Amino acid sequence: MGSTSDLPVMEKAARVLNDFEIPFEMHALSAHRTPAEVEEFAREAAPRGIEVIIAGAGMAAHLPGVIAAATTLPVIGVPISASLDGMDALLAIAQMPPGIPVATTAIDGAMNAGILAAQMLAIGDPGLREKTRSFKASLKRKIIEANKELQAVSFPFKTN
């Protein structure tokens, strides 16, 4: 994340990774204040066994792109709503130049970043693939249950 002020958003990705039992690291790295450390992190990530990077940042939000420029690992960018309702961060992350792709979630979409990282890692891991399949099935069950509960909601002109 760009700074520890991003933790309330980025901990949603951490929870997902933790729930899927995927080992992960958390760092505060600033593309503007610690550029050498960001580049070192990106260059050394793959040799340390990292397979996917989730990078969250607000405002100018250069962190995901700078990381993507320095590694061949997939990078998932999370635009954080720090100013301009997060639109500045969304555009900074989504509008990458050719050759430097960054998968981009919704503004403050760290949970989806965690799920996407799990799905990427599941490509080569049958056990993780089953966990992601089970997770998606639980989402379906929640909606089915919610619809059953809605049956009990009564309005004079409600027809179902």
N, C-alpha and C. Protein backbone atom coordinates (compact mmCIF):
# COMPACT_ATOMS: atom_id res chain seq x y z
N MET A 1 0.84 -1.18 0.00
CA MET A 1 0.00 0.00 0.00
C MET A 1 0.88 1.23 0.00
N GLY A 2 0.33 2.34 -0.49
CA GLY A 2 1.10 3.57 -0.58
C GLY A 2 1.48 4.14 0.77
N SER A 3 0.64 3.95 1.77
CA SER A 3 0.94 4.37 3.14
C SER A 3 0.04 3.59 4.08
N THR A 4 0.35 3.65 5.36
CA THR A 4 -0.46 2.90 6.32
C THR A 4 -1.87 3.47 6.44
N SER A 5 -2.11 4.67 5.94
CA SER A 5 -3.47 5.19 5.95
C SER A 5 -4.37 4.40 5.01
N ASP A 6 -3.78 3.61 4.12
CA ASP A 6 -4.54 2.77 3.20
C ASP A 6 -4.95 1.43 3.82
N LEU A 7 -4.48 1.15 5.02
CA LEU A 7 -4.73 -0.15 5.66
C LEU A 7 -6.22 -0.47 5.82
N PRO A 8 -7.09 0.48 6.22
CA PRO A 8 -8.50 0.11 6.35
C PRO A 8 -9.11 -0.46 5.07
N VAL A 9 -8.63 -0.03 3.92
CA VAL A 9 -9.10 -0.60 2.65
C VAL A 9 -8.36 -1.89 2.35
N MET A 10 -7.04 -1.86 2.42
CA MET A 10 -6.23 -3.00 1.98
C MET A 10 -6.35 -4.22 2.89
N GLU A 11 -6.76 -4.02 4.14
CA GLU A 11 -6.91 -5.19 5.01
C GLU A 11 -8.03 -6.10 4.52
N LYS A 12 -8.92 -5.60 3.67
CA LYS A 12 -9.95 -6.47 3.09
C LYS A 12 -9.32 -7.52 2.17
N ALA A 13 -8.29 -7.14 1.44
CA ALA A 13 -7.56 -8.12 0.62
C ALA A 13 -6.82 -9.10 1.52
N ALA A 14 -6.24 -8.58 2.59
CA ALA A 14 -5.52 -9.45 3.53
C ALA A 14 -6.45 -10.48 4.14
N ARG A 15 -7.67 -10.07 4.48
CA ARG A 15 -8.64 -11.02 5.06
C ARG A 15 -8.96 -12.14 4.08
N VAL A 16 -9.15 -11.78 2.81
CA VAL A 16 -9.46 -12.79 1.79
C VAL A 16 -8.29 -13.77 1.66
N LEU A 17 -7.09 -13.24 1.52
CA LEU A 17 -5.92 -14.11 1.38
C LEU A 17 -5.77 -15.00 2.61
N ASN A 18 -5.98 -14.43 3.77
CA ASN A 18 -5.88 -15.20 5.01
C ASN A 18 -6.95 -16.30 5.05
N ASP A 19 -8.19 -15.95 4.66
CA ASP A 19 -9.27 -16.93 4.65
C ASP A 19 -8.99 -18.08 3.69
N PHE A 20 -8.33 -17.77 2.56
CA PHE A 20 -7.97 -18.81 1.60
C PHE A 20 -6.66 -19.51 1.95
N GLU A 21 -6.08 -19.11 3.09
CA GLU A 21 -4.82 -19.69 3.58
C GLU A 21 -3.67 -19.49 2.59
N ILE A 22 -3.62 -18.29 1.99
CA ILE A 22 -2.56 -17.92 1.06
C ILE A 22 -1.56 -17.05 1.82
N PRO A 23 -0.31 -17.49 1.93
CA PRO A 23 0.69 -16.64 2.59
C PRO A 23 0.85 -15.32 1.84
N PHE A 24 1.02 -14.23 2.59
CA PHE A 24 1.17 -12.92 1.95
C PHE A 24 2.02 -12.00 2.81
N GLU A 25 2.51 -10.95 2.18
CA GLU A 25 3.27 -9.91 2.85
C GLU A 25 2.47 -8.62 2.78
N MET A 26 2.72 -7.72 3.72
CA MET A 26 2.14 -6.37 3.67
C MET A 26 3.27 -5.37 3.84
N HIS A 27 3.28 -4.37 2.96
CA HIS A 27 4.31 -3.33 3.01
C HIS A 27 3.66 -1.97 2.75
N ALA A 28 4.23 -0.93 3.34
CA ALA A 28 3.90 0.44 2.96
C ALA A 28 5.06 0.94 2.12
N LEU A 29 4.79 1.18 0.84
CA LEU A 29 5.80 1.64 -0.10
C LEU A 29 5.21 2.77 -0.92
N SER A 30 5.92 3.86 -1.03
CA SER A 30 5.43 5.01 -1.77
C SER A 30 6.21 5.19 -3.06
N ALA A 31 5.50 5.23 -4.17
CA ALA A 31 6.15 5.45 -5.46
C ALA A 31 6.86 6.80 -5.51
N HIS A 32 6.39 7.74 -4.70
CA HIS A 32 6.96 9.08 -4.72
C HIS A 32 7.97 9.33 -3.59
N ARG A 33 7.74 8.74 -2.43
CA ARG A 33 8.62 9.00 -1.28
C ARG A 33 9.69 7.95 -1.10
N THR A 34 9.45 6.71 -1.57
CA THR A 34 10.45 5.64 -1.46
C THR A 34 10.60 4.91 -2.79
N PRO A 35 10.90 5.62 -3.87
CA PRO A 35 10.93 4.96 -5.19
C PRO A 35 11.97 3.85 -5.30
N ALA A 36 13.13 4.01 -4.68
CA ALA A 36 14.15 2.96 -4.76
C ALA A 36 13.68 1.69 -4.06
N GLU A 37 13.00 1.85 -2.93
CA GLU A 37 12.49 0.68 -2.20
C GLU A 37 11.38 -0.02 -2.99
N VAL A 38 10.55 0.77 -3.68
CA VAL A 38 9.49 0.18 -4.50
C VAL A 38 10.10 -0.65 -5.62
N GLU A 39 11.09 -0.10 -6.30
CA GLU A 39 11.73 -0.84 -7.39
C GLU A 39 12.43 -2.09 -6.89
N GLU A 40 13.10 -1.99 -5.75
CA GLU A 40 13.76 -3.16 -5.16
C GLU A 40 12.73 -4.24 -4.80
N PHE A 41 11.64 -3.83 -4.17
CA PHE A 41 10.57 -4.78 -3.83
C PHE A 41 10.09 -5.50 -5.08
N ALA A 42 9.80 -4.74 -6.13
CA ALA A 42 9.26 -5.33 -7.37
C ALA A 42 10.26 -6.28 -8.02
N ARG A 43 11.52 -5.87 -8.08
CA ARG A 43 12.55 -6.73 -8.70
C ARG A 43 12.77 -8.02 -7.92
N GLU A 44 12.68 -7.96 -6.60
CA GLU A 44 13.00 -9.12 -5.76
C GLU A 44 11.78 -9.96 -5.40
N ALA A 45 10.59 -9.55 -5.82
CA ALA A 45 9.37 -10.28 -5.44
C ALA A 45 9.36 -11.71 -5.97
N ALA A 46 9.56 -11.89 -7.26
CA ALA A 46 9.51 -13.24 -7.84
C ALA A 46 10.57 -14.16 -7.24
N PRO A 47 11.83 -13.73 -7.12
CA PRO A 47 12.82 -14.62 -6.49
C PRO A 47 12.47 -15.01 -5.05
N ARG A 48 11.67 -14.18 -4.37
CA ARG A 48 11.26 -14.52 -3.01
C ARG A 48 10.03 -15.42 -2.99
N GLY A 49 9.50 -15.77 -4.15
CA GLY A 49 8.36 -16.68 -4.21
C GLY A 49 7.01 -16.02 -4.37
N ILE A 50 6.98 -14.70 -4.46
CA ILE A 50 5.71 -13.99 -4.67
C ILE A 50 5.26 -14.26 -6.10
N GLU A 51 3.95 -14.52 -6.27
CA GLU A 51 3.42 -14.84 -7.60
C GLU A 51 2.44 -13.80 -8.13
N VAL A 52 1.83 -13.02 -7.25
CA VAL A 52 0.88 -11.97 -7.62
C VAL A 52 1.09 -10.82 -6.64
N ILE A 53 1.00 -9.60 -7.13
CA ILE A 53 1.13 -8.43 -6.26
C ILE A 53 -0.16 -7.62 -6.30
N ILE A 54 -0.67 -7.28 -5.13
CA ILE A 54 -1.80 -6.37 -5.01
C ILE A 54 -1.23 -5.05 -4.49
N ALA A 55 -1.46 -3.98 -5.22
CA ALA A 55 -0.92 -2.68 -4.83
C ALA A 55 -2.05 -1.66 -4.77
N GLY A 56 -2.24 -1.09 -3.59
CA GLY A 56 -3.27 -0.09 -3.41
C GLY A 56 -2.66 1.28 -3.21
N ALA A 57 -3.27 2.29 -3.82
CA ALA A 57 -2.77 3.66 -3.67
C ALA A 57 -3.88 4.64 -3.99
N GLY A 58 -3.79 5.79 -3.39
CA GLY A 58 -4.75 6.85 -3.66
C GLY A 58 -4.10 8.02 -4.37
N MET A 59 -4.93 8.98 -4.71
CA MET A 59 -4.51 10.21 -5.38
C MET A 59 -3.80 9.91 -6.70
N ALA A 60 -2.53 10.30 -6.86
CA ALA A 60 -1.83 10.05 -8.12
C ALA A 60 -1.69 8.56 -8.40
N ALA A 61 -1.63 7.74 -7.36
CA ALA A 61 -1.70 6.28 -7.43
C ALA A 61 -0.72 5.66 -8.42
N HIS A 62 0.52 6.05 -8.36
CA HIS A 62 1.53 5.49 -9.26
C HIS A 62 2.09 4.16 -8.80
N LEU A 63 1.85 3.77 -7.55
CA LEU A 63 2.47 2.56 -7.00
C LEU A 63 2.22 1.31 -7.85
N PRO A 64 0.99 0.97 -8.21
CA PRO A 64 0.80 -0.26 -9.00
C PRO A 64 1.55 -0.23 -10.34
N GLY A 65 1.54 0.90 -11.01
CA GLY A 65 2.22 1.00 -12.30
C GLY A 65 3.73 0.93 -12.18
N VAL A 66 4.28 1.56 -11.16
CA VAL A 66 5.73 1.51 -10.96
C VAL A 66 6.15 0.07 -10.66
N ILE A 67 5.36 -0.62 -9.84
CA ILE A 67 5.66 -2.02 -9.56
C ILE A 67 5.56 -2.85 -10.84
N ALA A 68 4.49 -2.65 -11.61
CA ALA A 68 4.30 -3.41 -12.85
C ALA A 68 5.43 -3.17 -13.85
N ALA A 69 6.00 -1.97 -13.83
CA ALA A 69 7.10 -1.66 -14.75
C ALA A 69 8.38 -2.41 -14.38
N ALA A 70 8.50 -2.81 -13.12
CA ALA A 70 9.74 -3.42 -12.64
C ALA A 70 9.66 -4.93 -12.43
N THR A 71 8.53 -5.55 -12.78
CA THR A 71 8.39 -7.00 -12.60
C THR A 71 7.54 -7.58 -13.72
N THR A 72 7.67 -8.88 -13.93
CA THR A 72 6.79 -9.58 -14.87
C THR A 72 5.63 -10.26 -14.17
N LEU A 73 5.57 -10.15 -12.84
CA LEU A 73 4.46 -10.73 -12.09
C LEU A 73 3.18 -9.96 -12.38
N PRO A 74 2.02 -10.63 -12.29
CA PRO A 74 0.77 -9.89 -12.42
C PRO A 74 0.59 -8.92 -11.25
N VAL A 75 0.13 -7.73 -11.56
CA VAL A 75 -0.11 -6.70 -10.54
C VAL A 75 -1.59 -6.34 -10.59
N ILE A 76 -2.21 -6.33 -9.42
CA ILE A 76 -3.61 -5.91 -9.28
C ILE A 76 -3.59 -4.58 -8.55
N GLY A 77 -4.14 -3.56 -9.17
CA GLY A 77 -4.17 -2.24 -8.56
C GLY A 77 -5.51 -1.97 -7.89
N VAL A 78 -5.45 -1.41 -6.69
CA VAL A 78 -6.64 -1.02 -5.95
C VAL A 78 -6.63 0.49 -5.81
N PRO A 79 -7.49 1.19 -6.54
CA PRO A 79 -7.57 2.64 -6.36
C PRO A 79 -8.24 2.96 -5.02
N ILE A 80 -7.59 3.81 -4.25
CA ILE A 80 -8.10 4.14 -2.92
C ILE A 80 -8.67 5.55 -2.93
N SER A 81 -9.84 5.67 -2.35
CA SER A 81 -10.55 6.95 -2.32
C SER A 81 -9.92 7.88 -1.29
N ALA A 82 -8.91 8.62 -1.73
CA ALA A 82 -8.23 9.58 -0.85
C ALA A 82 -8.59 11.01 -1.23
N SER A 83 -8.89 11.23 -2.49
CA SER A 83 -9.32 12.55 -2.97
C SER A 83 -10.14 12.34 -4.24
N LEU A 84 -10.90 13.32 -4.61
CA LEU A 84 -11.73 13.26 -5.83
C LEU A 84 -12.57 11.99 -5.89
N ASP A 85 -13.03 11.53 -4.74
CA ASP A 85 -13.83 10.30 -4.62
C ASP A 85 -13.13 9.08 -5.22
N GLY A 86 -11.81 9.13 -5.31
CA GLY A 86 -11.04 8.01 -5.82
C GLY A 86 -10.91 7.96 -7.33
N MET A 87 -11.57 8.88 -8.03
CA MET A 87 -11.51 8.86 -9.50
C MET A 87 -10.10 9.12 -10.00
N ASP A 88 -9.35 9.99 -9.32
CA ASP A 88 -7.97 10.24 -9.72
C ASP A 88 -7.15 8.97 -9.65
N ALA A 89 -7.30 8.22 -8.57
CA ALA A 89 -6.56 6.97 -8.40
C ALA A 89 -7.00 5.93 -9.42
N LEU A 90 -8.31 5.82 -9.65
CA LEU A 90 -8.82 4.86 -10.63
C LEU A 90 -8.23 5.11 -12.00
N LEU A 91 -8.26 6.35 -12.44
CA LEU A 91 -7.73 6.67 -13.77
C LEU A 91 -6.22 6.47 -13.83
N ALA A 92 -5.50 6.83 -12.76
CA ALA A 92 -4.05 6.66 -12.76
C ALA A 92 -3.67 5.19 -12.88
N ILE A 93 -4.44 4.31 -12.25
CA ILE A 93 -4.12 2.88 -12.28
C ILE A 93 -4.61 2.22 -13.56
N ALA A 94 -5.80 2.57 -14.00
CA ALA A 94 -6.39 1.91 -15.17
C ALA A 94 -5.73 2.33 -16.48
N GLN A 95 -5.26 3.56 -16.57
CA GLN A 95 -4.74 4.10 -17.84
C GLN A 95 -3.23 3.90 -17.95
N MET A 96 -2.82 2.64 -17.94
CA MET A 96 -1.40 2.33 -18.05
C MET A 96 -0.96 2.31 -19.51
N PRO A 97 0.31 2.62 -19.77
CA PRO A 97 0.79 2.59 -21.15
C PRO A 97 0.91 1.17 -21.67
N PRO A 98 0.91 0.99 -22.99
CA PRO A 98 1.06 -0.34 -23.56
C PRO A 98 2.31 -1.04 -23.02
N GLY A 99 2.14 -2.31 -22.67
CA GLY A 99 3.25 -3.11 -22.19
C GLY A 99 3.39 -3.15 -20.67
N ILE A 100 2.64 -2.30 -19.97
CA ILE A 100 2.71 -2.25 -18.50
C ILE A 100 1.28 -2.43 -17.96
N PRO A 101 0.71 -3.64 -18.10
CA PRO A 101 -0.67 -3.83 -17.64
C PRO A 101 -0.78 -3.90 -16.12
N VAL A 102 -1.87 -3.35 -15.62
CA VAL A 102 -2.23 -3.48 -14.21
C VAL A 102 -3.72 -3.82 -14.17
N ALA A 103 -4.07 -4.99 -13.65
CA ALA A 103 -5.48 -5.32 -13.46
C ALA A 103 -6.00 -4.35 -12.41
N THR A 104 -7.17 -3.80 -12.62
CA THR A 104 -7.66 -2.74 -11.74
C THR A 104 -9.03 -3.08 -11.19
N THR A 105 -9.18 -2.92 -9.87
CA THR A 105 -10.47 -3.16 -9.23
C THR A 105 -11.26 -1.87 -9.18
N ALA A 106 -12.43 -1.97 -8.61
CA ALA A 106 -13.22 -0.78 -8.32
C ALA A 106 -12.52 0.05 -7.26
N ILE A 107 -12.93 1.27 -7.10
CA ILE A 107 -12.39 2.13 -6.05
C ILE A 107 -12.64 1.45 -4.70
N ASP A 108 -11.60 1.34 -3.91
CA ASP A 108 -11.62 0.68 -2.60
C ASP A 108 -11.98 -0.81 -2.71
N GLY A 109 -11.75 -1.41 -3.86
CA GLY A 109 -12.15 -2.80 -4.12
C GLY A 109 -11.10 -3.83 -3.72
N ALA A 110 -10.52 -3.68 -2.55
CA ALA A 110 -9.46 -4.60 -2.12
C ALA A 110 -9.96 -6.03 -1.94
N MET A 111 -11.21 -6.20 -1.53
CA MET A 111 -11.73 -7.57 -1.38
C MET A 111 -11.67 -8.29 -2.72
N ASN A 112 -12.13 -7.62 -3.78
CA ASN A 112 -12.08 -8.25 -5.10
C ASN A 112 -10.64 -8.48 -5.55
N ALA A 113 -9.71 -7.60 -5.15
CA ALA A 113 -8.30 -7.83 -5.48
C ALA A 113 -7.82 -9.12 -4.85
N GLY A 114 -8.21 -9.36 -3.60
CA GLY A 114 -7.83 -10.61 -2.94
C GLY A 114 -8.41 -11.82 -3.63
N ILE A 115 -9.68 -11.72 -4.02
CA ILE A 115 -10.33 -12.83 -4.72
C ILE A 115 -9.67 -13.07 -6.07
N LEU A 116 -9.39 -12.00 -6.81
CA LEU A 116 -8.74 -12.15 -8.11
C LEU A 116 -7.35 -12.77 -7.96
N ALA A 117 -6.61 -12.36 -6.96
CA ALA A 117 -5.29 -12.96 -6.71
C ALA A 117 -5.44 -14.45 -6.42
N ALA A 118 -6.43 -14.81 -5.61
CA ALA A 118 -6.67 -16.23 -5.30
C ALA A 118 -7.01 -17.00 -6.57
N GLN A 119 -7.83 -16.43 -7.42
CA GLN A 119 -8.20 -17.10 -8.67
C GLN A 119 -6.99 -17.26 -9.58
N MET A 120 -6.12 -16.25 -9.63
CA MET A 120 -4.90 -16.36 -10.44
C MET A 120 -4.02 -17.49 -9.91
N LEU A 121 -3.83 -17.53 -8.61
CA LEU A 121 -3.00 -18.57 -8.01
C LEU A 121 -3.64 -19.95 -8.14
N ALA A 122 -4.95 -20.01 -8.19
CA ALA A 122 -5.66 -21.28 -8.29
C ALA A 122 -5.46 -21.97 -9.63
N ILE A 123 -5.02 -21.24 -10.63
CA ILE A 123 -4.78 -21.84 -11.94
C ILE A 123 -3.86 -23.05 -11.82
N GLY A 124 -2.84 -22.96 -10.98
CA GLY A 124 -1.90 -24.05 -10.82
C GLY A 124 -2.01 -24.79 -9.50
N ASP A 125 -3.14 -24.61 -8.80
CA ASP A 125 -3.28 -25.21 -7.48
C ASP A 125 -4.70 -25.75 -7.32
N PRO A 126 -4.89 -27.08 -7.53
CA PRO A 126 -6.23 -27.65 -7.44
C PRO A 126 -6.92 -27.43 -6.09
N GLY A 127 -6.18 -27.45 -5.00
CA GLY A 127 -6.79 -27.22 -3.69
C GLY A 127 -7.33 -25.80 -3.57
N LEU A 128 -6.55 -24.84 -4.03
CA LEU A 128 -7.00 -23.45 -4.01
C LEU A 128 -8.15 -23.24 -4.99
N ARG A 129 -8.12 -23.94 -6.11
CA ARG A 129 -9.22 -23.85 -7.07
C ARG A 129 -10.53 -24.29 -6.41
N GLU A 130 -10.47 -25.35 -5.61
CA GLU A 130 -11.66 -25.82 -4.91
C GLU A 130 -12.13 -24.80 -3.88
N LYS A 131 -11.20 -24.16 -3.18
CA LYS A 131 -11.57 -23.13 -2.21
C LYS A 131 -12.27 -21.95 -2.90
N THR A 132 -11.75 -21.54 -4.06
CA THR A 132 -12.40 -20.42 -4.75
C THR A 132 -13.76 -20.84 -5.30
N ARG A 133 -13.87 -22.10 -5.77
CA ARG A 133 -15.16 -22.59 -6.24
C ARG A 133 -16.17 -22.60 -5.09
N SER A 134 -15.75 -23.08 -3.95
CA SER A 134 -16.61 -23.13 -2.77
C SER A 134 -17.03 -21.72 -2.33
N PHE A 135 -16.09 -20.79 -2.38
CA PHE A 135 -16.40 -19.40 -2.03
C PHE A 135 -17.48 -18.84 -2.95
N LYS A 136 -17.32 -19.06 -4.25
CA LYS A 136 -18.31 -18.56 -5.21
C LYS A 136 -19.67 -19.22 -4.98
N ALA A 137 -19.68 -20.49 -4.64
CA ALA A 137 -20.93 -21.18 -4.35
C ALA A 137 -21.59 -20.59 -3.11
N SER A 138 -20.79 -20.18 -2.13
CA SER A 138 -21.37 -19.58 -0.91
C SER A 138 -22.04 -18.24 -1.24
N LEU A 139 -21.51 -17.52 -2.22
CA LEU A 139 -22.14 -16.26 -2.63
C LEU A 139 -23.52 -16.53 -3.21
N LYS A 140 -23.63 -17.59 -3.99
CA LYS A 140 -24.91 -17.98 -4.58
C LYS A 140 -25.90 -18.34 -3.48
N ARG A 141 -25.43 -19.14 -2.51
CA ARG A 141 -26.32 -19.55 -1.41
C ARG A 141 -26.83 -18.34 -0.63
N LYS A 142 -25.98 -17.33 -0.43
CA LYS A 142 -26.39 -16.14 0.31
C LYS A 142 -27.54 -15.42 -0.41
N ILE A 143 -27.48 -15.34 -1.72
CA ILE A 143 -28.53 -14.68 -2.48
C ILE A 143 -29.82 -15.51 -2.44
N ILE A 144 -29.69 -16.81 -2.55
CA ILE A 144 -30.88 -17.68 -2.47
C ILE A 144 -31.56 -17.50 -1.12
N GLU A 145 -30.77 -17.48 -0.04
CA GLU A 145 -31.33 -17.28 1.31
C GLU A 145 -31.95 -15.89 1.44
N ALA A 146 -31.30 -14.89 0.87
CA ALA A 146 -31.83 -13.52 0.94
C ALA A 146 -33.19 -13.45 0.25
N ASN A 147 -33.35 -14.14 -0.86
CA ASN A 147 -34.63 -14.13 -1.56
C ASN A 147 -35.71 -14.83 -0.74
N LYS A 148 -35.34 -15.88 -0.02
CA LYS A 148 -36.32 -16.54 0.86
C LYS A 148 -36.77 -15.56 1.94
N GLU A 149 -35.84 -14.81 2.51
CA GLU A 149 -36.19 -13.83 3.54
C GLU A 149 -37.06 -12.71 2.97
N LEU A 150 -36.83 -12.35 1.72
CA LEU A 150 -37.64 -11.30 1.10
C LEU A 150 -39.09 -11.74 0.91
N GLN A 151 -39.32 -13.04 0.85
CA GLN A 151 -40.70 -13.53 0.73
C GLN A 151 -41.54 -13.10 1.93
N ALA A 152 -40.90 -12.95 3.08
CA ALA A 152 -41.61 -12.57 4.30
C ALA A 152 -41.90 -11.07 4.38
N VAL A 153 -41.28 -10.29 3.52
CA VAL A 153 -41.51 -8.85 3.53
C VAL A 153 -42.87 -8.59 2.89
N SER A 154 -43.68 -7.83 3.59
CA SER A 154 -45.06 -7.63 3.13
C SER A 154 -45.33 -6.15 2.84
N PHE A 155 -45.93 -5.91 1.68
CA PHE A 155 -46.43 -4.60 1.29
C PHE A 155 -47.78 -4.83 0.62
N PRO A 156 -48.69 -3.90 0.74
CA PRO A 156 -50.02 -4.12 0.16
C PRO A 156 -50.00 -4.43 -1.34
N PHE A 157 -49.06 -3.86 -2.07
CA PHE A 157 -49.05 -4.07 -3.52
C PHE A 157 -47.92 -4.99 -4.00
N LYS A 158 -47.23 -5.65 -3.06
CA LYS A 158 -46.18 -6.60 -3.43
C LYS A 158 -46.85 -7.87 -3.92
N THR A 159 -46.43 -8.33 -5.08
CA THR A 159 -47.10 -9.47 -5.71
C THR A 159 -46.36 -10.80 -5.55
N ASN A 160 -45.20 -10.81 -4.95
CA ASN A 160 -44.51 -12.11 -4.81
C ASN A 160 -44.25 -12.45 -3.36
